[in-house]
Amino acid sequence: MKATTHIPAALVNPADVKDRVLLDHHERHRRRFMLTTVSGAEFLLDLEATVALRHGDGLRLEGGGVIVVEAAPEQLLEITSPNPVRLLKAAWHIGNRHTPSELTKDAIYLAADHVLEQMLRGLGVEVKTITRPFDPERGAYHSHG
């Protein structure tokens, strides 16, 4: 099997879905790579250009059908604070290091890193190691194709 077309999540037709593939954040930045679906089927991802795949995106198979991309659970740092200014300062320091991060209304998530963890604790925010899917923000200049 071969997948040659990326479909944004909002355009995936559930009736076309044949299987799903579980990928972590780094594995979702691909152009050409052999992948294995959750059911064990192998297929070649062969896109024209590298795409930052998001949770829920589809990969159209030649010959019909779609494989849905799911974000795999990863070990992350969850950064929280009851003080919004401290959380904003933590976000600034994370961004200043160009570290991929996921922003929610209550927390910032980033890949587990002991150096960043110590820096963040020094800023007075709460840092907890957790496991969950990671879907960081895309850059401001990212093209959706």
C-alpha atoms as a PDB file:
ATOM      1  CA  MET A   1       0.000   0.000   0.000  1.00  0.00           C
ATOM      2  CA  LYS A   2       1.073   3.555  -0.682  1.00  0.00           C
ATOM      3  CA  ALA A   3      -0.293   6.872   0.665  1.00  0.00           C
ATOM      4  CA  THR A   4       0.462   9.889  -1.523  1.00  0.00           C
ATOM      5  CA  THR A   5      -2.014  12.548  -0.375  1.00  0.00           C
ATOM      6  CA  HIS A   6      -2.395  14.393   2.927  1.00  0.00           C
ATOM      7  CA  ILE A   7      -5.957  15.305   3.985  1.00  0.00           C
ATOM      8  CA  PRO A   8      -6.488  17.885   6.772  1.00  0.00           C
ATOM      9  CA  ALA A   9      -8.576  16.466   9.639  1.00  0.00           C
ATOM     10  CA  ALA A  10     -11.607  18.642   8.864  1.00  0.00           C
ATOM     11  CA  LEU A  11     -11.826  17.134   5.363  1.00  0.00           C
ATOM     12  CA  VAL A  12     -11.515  13.434   6.287  1.00  0.00           C
ATOM     13  CA  ASN A  13     -14.669  11.512   5.374  1.00  0.00           C
ATOM     14  CA  PRO A  14     -15.253   8.893   8.111  1.00  0.00           C
ATOM     15  CA  ALA A  15     -16.757   6.547   5.495  1.00  0.00           C
ATOM     16  CA  ASP A  16     -13.370   6.395   3.714  1.00  0.00           C
ATOM     17  CA  VAL A  17     -11.331   5.449   6.821  1.00  0.00           C
ATOM     18  CA  LYS A  18      -9.763   1.982   6.535  1.00  0.00           C
ATOM     19  CA  ASP A  19      -7.306   2.066   9.462  1.00  0.00           C
ATOM     20  CA  ARG A  20      -5.279   4.369  11.687  1.00  0.00           C
ATOM     21  CA  VAL A  21      -1.623   4.967  12.444  1.00  0.00           C
ATOM     22  CA  LEU A  22      -0.331   6.020  15.877  1.00  0.00           C
ATOM     23  CA  LEU A  23       2.629   8.458  15.671  1.00  0.00           C
ATOM     24  CA  ASP A  24       4.432  10.650  18.183  1.00  0.00           C
ATOM     25  CA  HIS A  25       5.222  14.328  17.524  1.00  0.00           C
ATOM     26  CA  HIS A  26       8.529  13.678  15.718  1.00  0.00           C
ATOM     27  CA  GLU A  27       7.133  10.776  13.684  1.00  0.00           C
ATOM     28  CA  ARG A  28       4.371  13.066  12.365  1.00  0.00           C
ATOM     29  CA  HIS A  29       6.896  15.189  10.409  1.00  0.00           C
ATOM     30  CA  ARG A  30       7.427  12.998   7.367  1.00  0.00           C
ATOM     31  CA  ARG A  31       7.544  12.940   3.610  1.00  0.00           C
ATOM     32  CA  ARG A  32       8.576   9.401   2.728  1.00  0.00           C
ATOM     33  CA  PHE A  33       8.624   6.592   5.281  1.00  0.00           C
ATOM     34  CA  MET A  34       7.360   3.048   5.845  1.00  0.00           C
ATOM     35  CA  LEU A  35       4.610   3.023   8.473  1.00  0.00           C
ATOM     36  CA  THR A  36       2.604   0.317  10.208  1.00  0.00           C
ATOM     37  CA  THR A  37      -1.065   0.804  11.047  1.00  0.00           C
ATOM     38  CA  VAL A  38      -2.686  -0.140  14.349  1.00  0.00           C
ATOM     39  CA  SER A  39      -4.021  -3.330  12.713  1.00  0.00           C
ATOM     40  CA  GLY A  40      -0.502  -4.282  11.535  1.00  0.00           C
ATOM     41  CA  ALA A  41      -0.719  -3.353   7.842  1.00  0.00           C
ATOM     42  CA  GLU A  42       2.386  -1.715   6.358  1.00  0.00           C
ATOM     43  CA  PHE A  43       2.239   1.129   3.884  1.00  0.00           C
ATOM     44  CA  LEU A  44       4.611   3.591   2.280  1.00  0.00           C
ATOM     45  CA  LEU A  45       4.000   7.242   3.043  1.00  0.00           C
ATOM     46  CA  ASP A  46       5.150   9.014  -0.126  1.00  0.00           C
ATOM     47  CA  LEU A  47       4.167  12.695  -0.099  1.00  0.00           C
ATOM     48  CA  GLU A  48       5.482  15.378  -2.487  1.00  0.00           C
ATOM     49  CA  ALA A  49       6.792  17.444   0.448  1.00  0.00           C
ATOM     50  CA  THR A  50       7.298  17.016   4.182  1.00  0.00           C
ATOM     51  CA  VAL A  51       4.079  17.639   6.090  1.00  0.00           C
ATOM     52  CA  ALA A  52       3.535  18.267   9.802  1.00  0.00           C
ATOM     53  CA  LEU A  53       0.749  15.754  10.296  1.00  0.00           C
ATOM     54  CA  ARG A  54      -1.812  16.592  12.979  1.00  0.00           C
ATOM     55  CA  HIS A  55      -4.026  14.340  15.060  1.00  0.00           C
ATOM     56  CA  GLY A  56      -7.052  13.462  12.927  1.00  0.00           C
ATOM     57  CA  ASP A  57      -5.412  14.117   9.550  1.00  0.00           C
ATOM     58  CA  GLY A  58      -5.845  11.534   6.826  1.00  0.00           C
ATOM     59  CA  LEU A  59      -3.495   9.839   4.384  1.00  0.00           C
ATOM     60  CA  ARG A  60      -5.216   8.821   1.139  1.00  0.00           C
ATOM     61  CA  LEU A  61      -4.149   5.435  -0.172  1.00  0.00           C
ATOM     62  CA  GLU A  62      -3.660   4.792  -3.861  1.00  0.00           C
ATOM     63  CA  GLY A  63      -6.531   2.566  -4.838  1.00  0.00           C
ATOM     64  CA  GLY A  64      -8.889   4.081  -2.258  1.00  0.00           C
ATOM     65  CA  GLY A  65      -9.276   4.433   1.450  1.00  0.00           C
ATOM     66  CA  VAL A  66      -7.798   6.659   4.113  1.00  0.00           C
ATOM     67  CA  ILE A  67      -5.486   5.990   7.043  1.00  0.00           C
ATOM     68  CA  VAL A  68      -6.170   8.381   9.952  1.00  0.00           C
ATOM     69  CA  VAL A  69      -3.228   9.799  11.917  1.00  0.00           C
ATOM     70  CA  GLU A  70      -3.503   9.658  15.699  1.00  0.00           C
ATOM     71  CA  ALA A  71      -1.148  11.399  18.115  1.00  0.00           C
ATOM     72  CA  ALA A  72       0.606   8.787  20.272  1.00  0.00           C
ATOM     73  CA  PRO A  73       0.978   9.349  24.024  1.00  0.00           C
ATOM     74  CA  GLU A  74       4.405  10.771  24.944  1.00  0.00           C
ATOM     75  CA  GLN A  75       6.219  11.715  28.126  1.00  0.00           C
ATOM     76  CA  LEU A  76       5.658  15.454  28.571  1.00  0.00           C
ATOM     77  CA  LEU A  77       6.093  18.248  31.048  1.00  0.00           C
ATOM     78  CA  GLU A  78       2.835  19.878  32.133  1.00  0.00           C
ATOM     79  CA  ILE A  79       3.448  23.455  33.271  1.00  0.00           C
ATOM     80  CA  THR A  80       0.782  25.179  35.362  1.00  0.00           C
ATOM     81  CA  SER A  81       0.514  28.065  37.813  1.00  0.00           C
ATOM     82  CA  PRO A  82      -2.282  29.756  39.725  1.00  0.00           C
ATOM     83  CA  ASN A  83      -0.429  32.980  38.862  1.00  0.00           C
ATOM     84  CA  PRO A  84      -1.108  33.853  35.190  1.00  0.00           C
ATOM     85  CA  VAL A  85       1.894  36.202  34.994  1.00  0.00           C
ATOM     86  CA  ARG A  86       4.262  33.394  36.024  1.00  0.00           C
ATOM     87  CA  LEU A  87       2.721  31.126  33.386  1.00  0.00           C
ATOM     88  CA  LEU A  88       3.124  33.865  30.744  1.00  0.00           C
ATOM     89  CA  LYS A  89       6.764  34.337  31.727  1.00  0.00           C
ATOM     90  CA  ALA A  90       7.316  30.579  31.465  1.00  0.00           C
ATOM     91  CA  ALA A  91       5.711  30.637  27.995  1.00  0.00           C
ATOM     92  CA  TRP A  92       8.052  33.470  26.958  1.00  0.00           C
ATOM     93  CA  HIS A  93      11.145  31.532  28.114  1.00  0.00           C
ATOM     94  CA  ILE A  94       9.954  28.361  26.346  1.00  0.00           C
ATOM     95  CA  GLY A  95       9.302  30.311  23.131  1.00  0.00           C
ATOM     96  CA  ASN A  96      12.654  32.071  23.393  1.00  0.00           C
ATOM     97  CA  ARG A  97      14.255  28.611  23.155  1.00  0.00           C
ATOM     98  CA  HIS A  98      12.111  27.690  20.113  1.00  0.00           C
ATOM     99  CA  THR A  99      10.848  24.628  21.995  1.00  0.00           C
ATOM    100  CA  PRO A 100       7.770  22.989  20.466  1.00  0.00           C
ATOM    101  CA  SER A 101       4.936  23.499  22.927  1.00  0.00           C
ATOM    102  CA  GLU A 102       1.215  22.912  23.177  1.00  0.00           C
ATOM    103  CA  LEU A 103      -0.815  25.678  24.776  1.00  0.00           C
ATOM    104  CA  THR A 104      -4.158  25.151  26.509  1.00  0.00           C
ATOM    105  CA  LYS A 105      -6.202  27.478  28.705  1.00  0.00           C
ATOM    106  CA  ASP A 106      -4.841  25.814  31.846  1.00  0.00           C
ATOM    107  CA  ALA A 107      -1.374  24.504  30.976  1.00  0.00           C
ATOM    108  CA  ILE A 108       1.624  24.450  28.673  1.00  0.00           C
ATOM    109  CA  TYR A 109       2.931  21.068  27.478  1.00  0.00           C
ATOM    110  CA  LEU A 110       6.354  20.269  26.083  1.00  0.00           C
ATOM    111  CA  ALA A 111       8.545  17.217  25.593  1.00  0.00           C
ATOM    112  CA  ALA A 112      10.176  16.070  28.831  1.00  0.00           C
ATOM    113  CA  ASP A 113      13.590  17.724  29.264  1.00  0.00           C
ATOM    114  CA  HIS A 114      15.383  17.911  32.613  1.00  0.00           C
ATOM    115  CA  VAL A 115      17.181  21.191  31.794  1.00  0.00           C
ATOM    116  CA  LEU A 116      13.943  22.966  30.868  1.00  0.00           C
ATOM    117  CA  GLU A 117      12.217  21.396  33.863  1.00  0.00           C
ATOM    118  CA  GLN A 118      14.783  22.937  36.247  1.00  0.00           C
ATOM    119  CA  MET A 119      14.570  26.318  34.510  1.00  0.00           C
ATOM    120  CA  LEU A 120      10.771  26.306  34.766  1.00  0.00           C
ATOM    121  CA  ARG A 121      10.800  25.325  38.433  1.00  0.00           C
ATOM    122  CA  GLY A 122      13.187  28.242  38.979  1.00  0.00           C
ATOM    123  CA  LEU A 123      10.568  30.548  37.453  1.00  0.00           C
ATOM    124  CA  GLY A 124       8.101  29.462  40.147  1.00  0.00           C
ATOM    125  CA  VAL A 125       5.673  27.437  38.035  1.00  0.00           C
ATOM    126  CA  GLU A 126       4.447  23.936  38.793  1.00  0.00           C
ATOM    127  CA  VAL A 127       5.972  21.218  36.603  1.00  0.00           C
ATOM    128  CA  LYS A 128       4.666  17.670  36.448  1.00  0.00           C
ATOM    129  CA  THR A 129       5.747  14.770  34.205  1.00  0.00           C
ATOM    130  CA  ILE A 130       2.754  13.188  32.481  1.00  0.00           C
ATOM    131  CA  THR A 131       1.990  10.925  29.524  1.00  0.00           C
ATOM    132  CA  ARG A 132      -0.504  12.091  26.889  1.00  0.00           C
ATOM    133  CA  PRO A 133      -0.687  12.836  23.158  1.00  0.00           C
ATOM    134  CA  PHE A 134       1.333  15.905  22.131  1.00  0.00           C
ATOM    135  CA  ASP A 135       0.089  18.311  19.479  1.00  0.00           C
ATOM    136  CA  PRO A 136       2.303  21.419  19.637  1.00  0.00           C
ATOM    137  CA  GLU A 137       1.508  24.733  18.003  1.00  0.00           C
ATOM    138  CA  ARG A 138       2.640  25.197  14.433  1.00  0.00           C
ATOM    139  CA  GLY A 139       4.895  28.098  13.598  1.00  0.00           C
ATOM    140  CA  ALA A 140       3.296  31.390  12.627  1.00  0.00           C
ATOM    141  CA  TYR A 141       4.658  31.036   9.084  1.00  0.00           C
ATOM    142  CA  HIS A 142       3.555  27.426   8.567  1.00  0.00           C
ATOM    143  CA  SER A 143       1.689  26.845   5.343  1.00  0.00           C
ATOM    144  CA  HIS A 144      -1.311  24.531   5.437  1.00  0.00           C
ATOM    145  CA  GLY A 145      -0.791  23.651   1.790  1.00  0.00           C
END
